[in-house]
N, C-alpha and C. Protein backbone atom coordinates (compact mmCIF):
# COMPACT_ATOMS: atom_id res chain seq x y z
N MET A 1 129.38 121.13 138.52
CA MET A 1 130.13 122.72 138.12
C MET A 1 129.95 123.51 136.85
N ARG A 2 129.07 124.81 137.39
CA ARG A 2 128.66 126.08 136.18
C ARG A 2 129.88 126.59 136.17
N GLU A 3 130.09 126.49 134.14
CA GLU A 3 131.57 127.53 133.82
C GLU A 3 130.78 128.59 132.50
N GLU A 4 131.04 129.23 132.28
CA GLU A 4 130.45 130.44 131.10
C GLU A 4 131.58 129.54 130.21
N ILE A 5 130.84 129.56 128.38
CA ILE A 5 131.72 129.89 127.04
C ILE A 5 131.56 130.74 127.17
N LYS A 6 132.78 131.60 126.75
CA LYS A 6 132.93 133.15 126.59
C LYS A 6 132.99 133.24 124.85
N ALA A 7 133.12 134.39 124.11
CA ALA A 7 133.74 134.74 122.68
C ALA A 7 135.46 134.52 123.19
N HIS A 8 136.54 134.64 122.23
CA HIS A 8 137.67 134.70 122.76
C HIS A 8 138.04 135.65 121.48
N ILE A 9 136.68 136.07 120.69
CA ILE A 9 137.10 136.65 119.37
C ILE A 9 135.44 137.99 119.24
N THR A 10 135.79 139.01 118.44
CA THR A 10 134.11 139.71 117.54
C THR A 10 134.36 138.80 116.75
N GLY A 11 132.88 138.70 116.60
CA GLY A 11 132.59 137.79 115.55
C GLY A 11 131.12 138.10 115.61
N VAL A 12 130.60 137.52 114.27
CA VAL A 12 128.81 137.13 114.31
C VAL A 12 128.57 135.68 114.69
N VAL A 13 127.52 135.21 115.08
CA VAL A 13 127.67 133.43 116.29
C VAL A 13 127.14 132.84 114.04
N PHE A 14 127.25 132.08 113.47
CA PHE A 14 127.47 131.76 112.68
C PHE A 14 126.27 130.03 112.81
N GLN A 15 126.82 129.30 113.82
CA GLN A 15 126.09 128.03 113.74
C GLN A 15 126.54 127.70 115.25
N ILE A 16 125.01 127.02 115.61
CA ILE A 16 124.89 126.51 117.28
C ILE A 16 125.17 125.01 116.33
N THR A 17 126.00 124.94 117.24
CA THR A 17 126.30 122.79 116.84
C THR A 17 126.00 122.33 117.86
N ALA A 18 125.54 122.75 120.11
CA ALA A 18 125.39 122.14 120.86
C ALA A 18 123.68 122.76 121.03
N LYS A 19 122.75 122.11 121.84
CA LYS A 19 121.71 122.39 122.29
C LYS A 19 121.52 121.79 124.07
N PRO A 20 120.93 123.05 124.41
CA PRO A 20 120.40 122.44 126.18
C PRO A 20 120.09 121.37 126.19
N GLY A 21 120.99 120.74 127.23
CA GLY A 21 120.45 119.38 127.36
C GLY A 21 121.89 118.42 126.96
N ASP A 22 122.72 118.65 125.64
CA ASP A 22 123.00 117.56 124.49
C ASP A 22 125.15 117.91 125.85
N THR A 23 125.63 116.29 125.65
CA THR A 23 126.29 116.08 126.27
C THR A 23 127.57 116.61 125.22
N VAL A 24 128.78 116.92 126.12
CA VAL A 24 129.79 117.16 125.13
C VAL A 24 131.29 117.19 125.44
N ALA A 25 131.70 116.44 125.07
CA ALA A 25 133.73 115.75 125.41
C ALA A 25 134.08 117.57 125.44
N ALA A 26 135.48 117.60 126.04
CA ALA A 26 136.48 118.83 126.67
C ALA A 26 136.76 118.49 124.51
N GLY A 27 136.66 119.94 124.20
CA GLY A 27 137.61 120.00 123.09
C GLY A 27 136.32 120.05 122.27
N ASP A 28 135.06 119.62 122.27
CA ASP A 28 133.81 119.92 121.17
C ASP A 28 133.41 120.84 120.63
N PRO A 29 133.28 121.54 119.19
CA PRO A 29 132.29 122.67 119.40
C PRO A 29 131.25 122.78 119.83
N VAL A 30 131.34 123.85 120.39
CA VAL A 30 129.66 123.82 121.03
C VAL A 30 129.21 125.37 120.32
N ILE A 31 129.82 126.13 119.57
CA ILE A 31 129.33 127.32 118.95
C ILE A 31 130.16 127.62 117.84
N VAL A 32 130.05 128.48 116.81
CA VAL A 32 130.74 128.06 115.40
C VAL A 32 131.10 129.89 114.95
N LEU A 33 131.41 130.87 115.31
CA LEU A 33 131.83 132.42 115.43
C LEU A 33 132.31 132.19 114.19
N GLU A 34 131.81 133.88 113.31
CA GLU A 34 132.66 133.80 111.89
C GLU A 34 133.12 135.89 111.54
N SER A 35 134.34 135.21 112.09
CA SER A 35 134.82 136.92 111.69
C SER A 35 136.33 136.23 110.30
N MET A 36 135.55 137.79 109.79
CA MET A 36 135.96 137.95 108.66
C MET A 36 137.12 137.05 108.01
N LYS A 37 135.40 136.14 107.32
CA LYS A 37 135.16 135.26 106.78
C LYS A 37 136.02 134.30 107.09
N MET A 38 136.01 133.95 108.63
CA MET A 38 136.97 133.03 109.23
C MET A 38 136.17 131.92 109.76
N GLU A 39 136.03 130.92 109.70
CA GLU A 39 134.82 130.61 111.07
C GLU A 39 135.35 129.66 112.18
N ILE A 40 134.82 130.48 113.10
CA ILE A 40 136.54 129.72 114.05
C ILE A 40 135.73 128.83 115.13
N PRO A 41 135.63 127.67 115.64
CA PRO A 41 134.60 127.09 116.40
C PRO A 41 135.10 127.66 118.34
N VAL A 42 134.36 127.57 118.69
CA VAL A 42 133.91 128.02 120.23
C VAL A 42 134.02 126.58 121.13
N GLU A 43 134.87 125.93 121.07
CA GLU A 43 134.95 124.43 121.86
C GLU A 43 134.57 124.33 123.73
N ALA A 44 133.63 123.82 124.56
CA ALA A 44 134.21 123.26 125.08
C ALA A 44 135.44 123.21 125.79
N PRO A 45 135.33 123.80 127.46
CA PRO A 45 136.41 123.94 128.34
C PRO A 45 136.96 122.89 128.52
N ARG A 46 135.84 121.96 128.40
CA ARG A 46 136.08 120.53 129.36
C ARG A 46 134.76 119.95 129.64
N ALA A 47 134.20 118.38 129.37
CA ALA A 47 132.90 117.11 129.74
C ALA A 47 131.96 117.91 130.08
N GLY A 48 131.25 118.00 130.02
CA GLY A 48 129.54 118.69 130.99
C GLY A 48 128.28 118.89 129.83
N ALA A 49 127.83 118.57 130.42
CA ALA A 49 126.55 118.68 130.05
C ALA A 49 125.95 120.77 129.39
N VAL A 50 125.61 120.60 127.88
CA VAL A 50 124.76 122.25 128.09
C VAL A 50 123.95 122.43 128.90
N LYS A 51 123.91 123.35 129.12
CA LYS A 51 122.70 123.49 130.67
C LYS A 51 122.19 124.86 129.48
N GLU A 52 122.47 125.75 128.58
CA GLU A 52 121.78 127.13 128.11
C GLU A 52 122.45 127.83 127.48
N ILE A 53 121.99 128.37 126.25
CA ILE A 53 122.84 128.43 125.04
C ILE A 53 122.01 130.04 124.91
N ARG A 54 123.61 131.49 125.24
CA ARG A 54 123.33 132.76 125.09
C ARG A 54 123.26 132.94 123.88
N VAL A 55 122.92 132.70 123.10
CA VAL A 55 122.43 133.75 121.63
C VAL A 55 121.89 132.81 121.00
N ALA A 56 121.65 134.26 119.62
CA ALA A 56 120.99 133.19 117.78
C ALA A 56 121.46 133.32 117.26
N GLU A 57 121.48 132.44 116.11
CA GLU A 57 122.38 132.52 114.88
C GLU A 57 122.07 134.01 113.41
N GLY A 58 123.02 134.59 113.70
CA GLY A 58 123.18 136.03 112.92
C GLY A 58 124.07 137.20 113.86
N GLN A 59 123.89 137.04 115.08
CA GLN A 59 124.07 138.32 116.45
C GLN A 59 125.88 138.06 116.14
N THR A 60 126.11 139.45 117.21
CA THR A 60 127.44 139.85 116.59
C THR A 60 127.17 139.54 118.22
N VAL A 61 128.31 139.03 118.87
CA VAL A 61 129.37 138.99 119.86
C VAL A 61 130.03 139.50 119.76
N GLN A 62 130.86 140.47 121.16
CA GLN A 62 132.08 140.91 121.24
C GLN A 62 132.44 140.03 121.72
N GLU A 63 133.90 140.24 122.32
CA GLU A 63 135.15 139.08 123.10
C GLU A 63 134.51 138.99 124.17
N GLY A 64 134.66 137.91 125.06
CA GLY A 64 133.98 138.53 126.37
C GLY A 64 132.54 138.40 126.88
N ASP A 65 132.49 137.61 125.80
CA ASP A 65 130.74 137.80 125.92
C ASP A 65 130.55 136.16 126.60
N THR A 66 129.11 135.99 127.09
CA THR A 66 129.20 135.13 126.85
C THR A 66 128.20 134.11 126.26
N LEU A 67 128.85 132.95 126.02
CA LEU A 67 127.61 132.32 124.84
C LEU A 67 127.19 131.09 125.35
N ALA A 68 127.49 130.67 126.45
CA ALA A 68 126.89 129.15 126.44
C ALA A 68 127.47 128.73 127.51
N ILE A 69 126.00 128.18 128.70
CA ILE A 69 126.36 127.98 130.33
C ILE A 69 126.81 126.55 130.19
N LEU A 70 127.36 125.95 130.81
CA LEU A 70 128.22 124.41 130.29
C LEU A 70 127.74 123.81 132.29
N GLU A 71 127.07 122.82 132.75
CA GLU A 71 127.45 122.31 134.02
C GLU A 71 128.44 120.94 133.66
C-alpha cells in the first residue's frame, strides 16, 4: 500500500535520513525539517519501504507538501 509522507510544518529540509529502498519501522525518522532553528523529525507513519524521496537537503517545503513515498 502506497502512502505519502507529508510535511506537517513549513521549513527547510535539514537532513534526509532514509533513502529509496530503505526499510523503516513506524516512528522512524525519514526526513528532518528545520523551522525557527528547531529540528523536527518527520517520521514514518507505519513500517514499510521507502520508494521515493521527493525533496533535497536545503529545499524549502510548505506544510502539506509530499516529502517521500512509502510502500
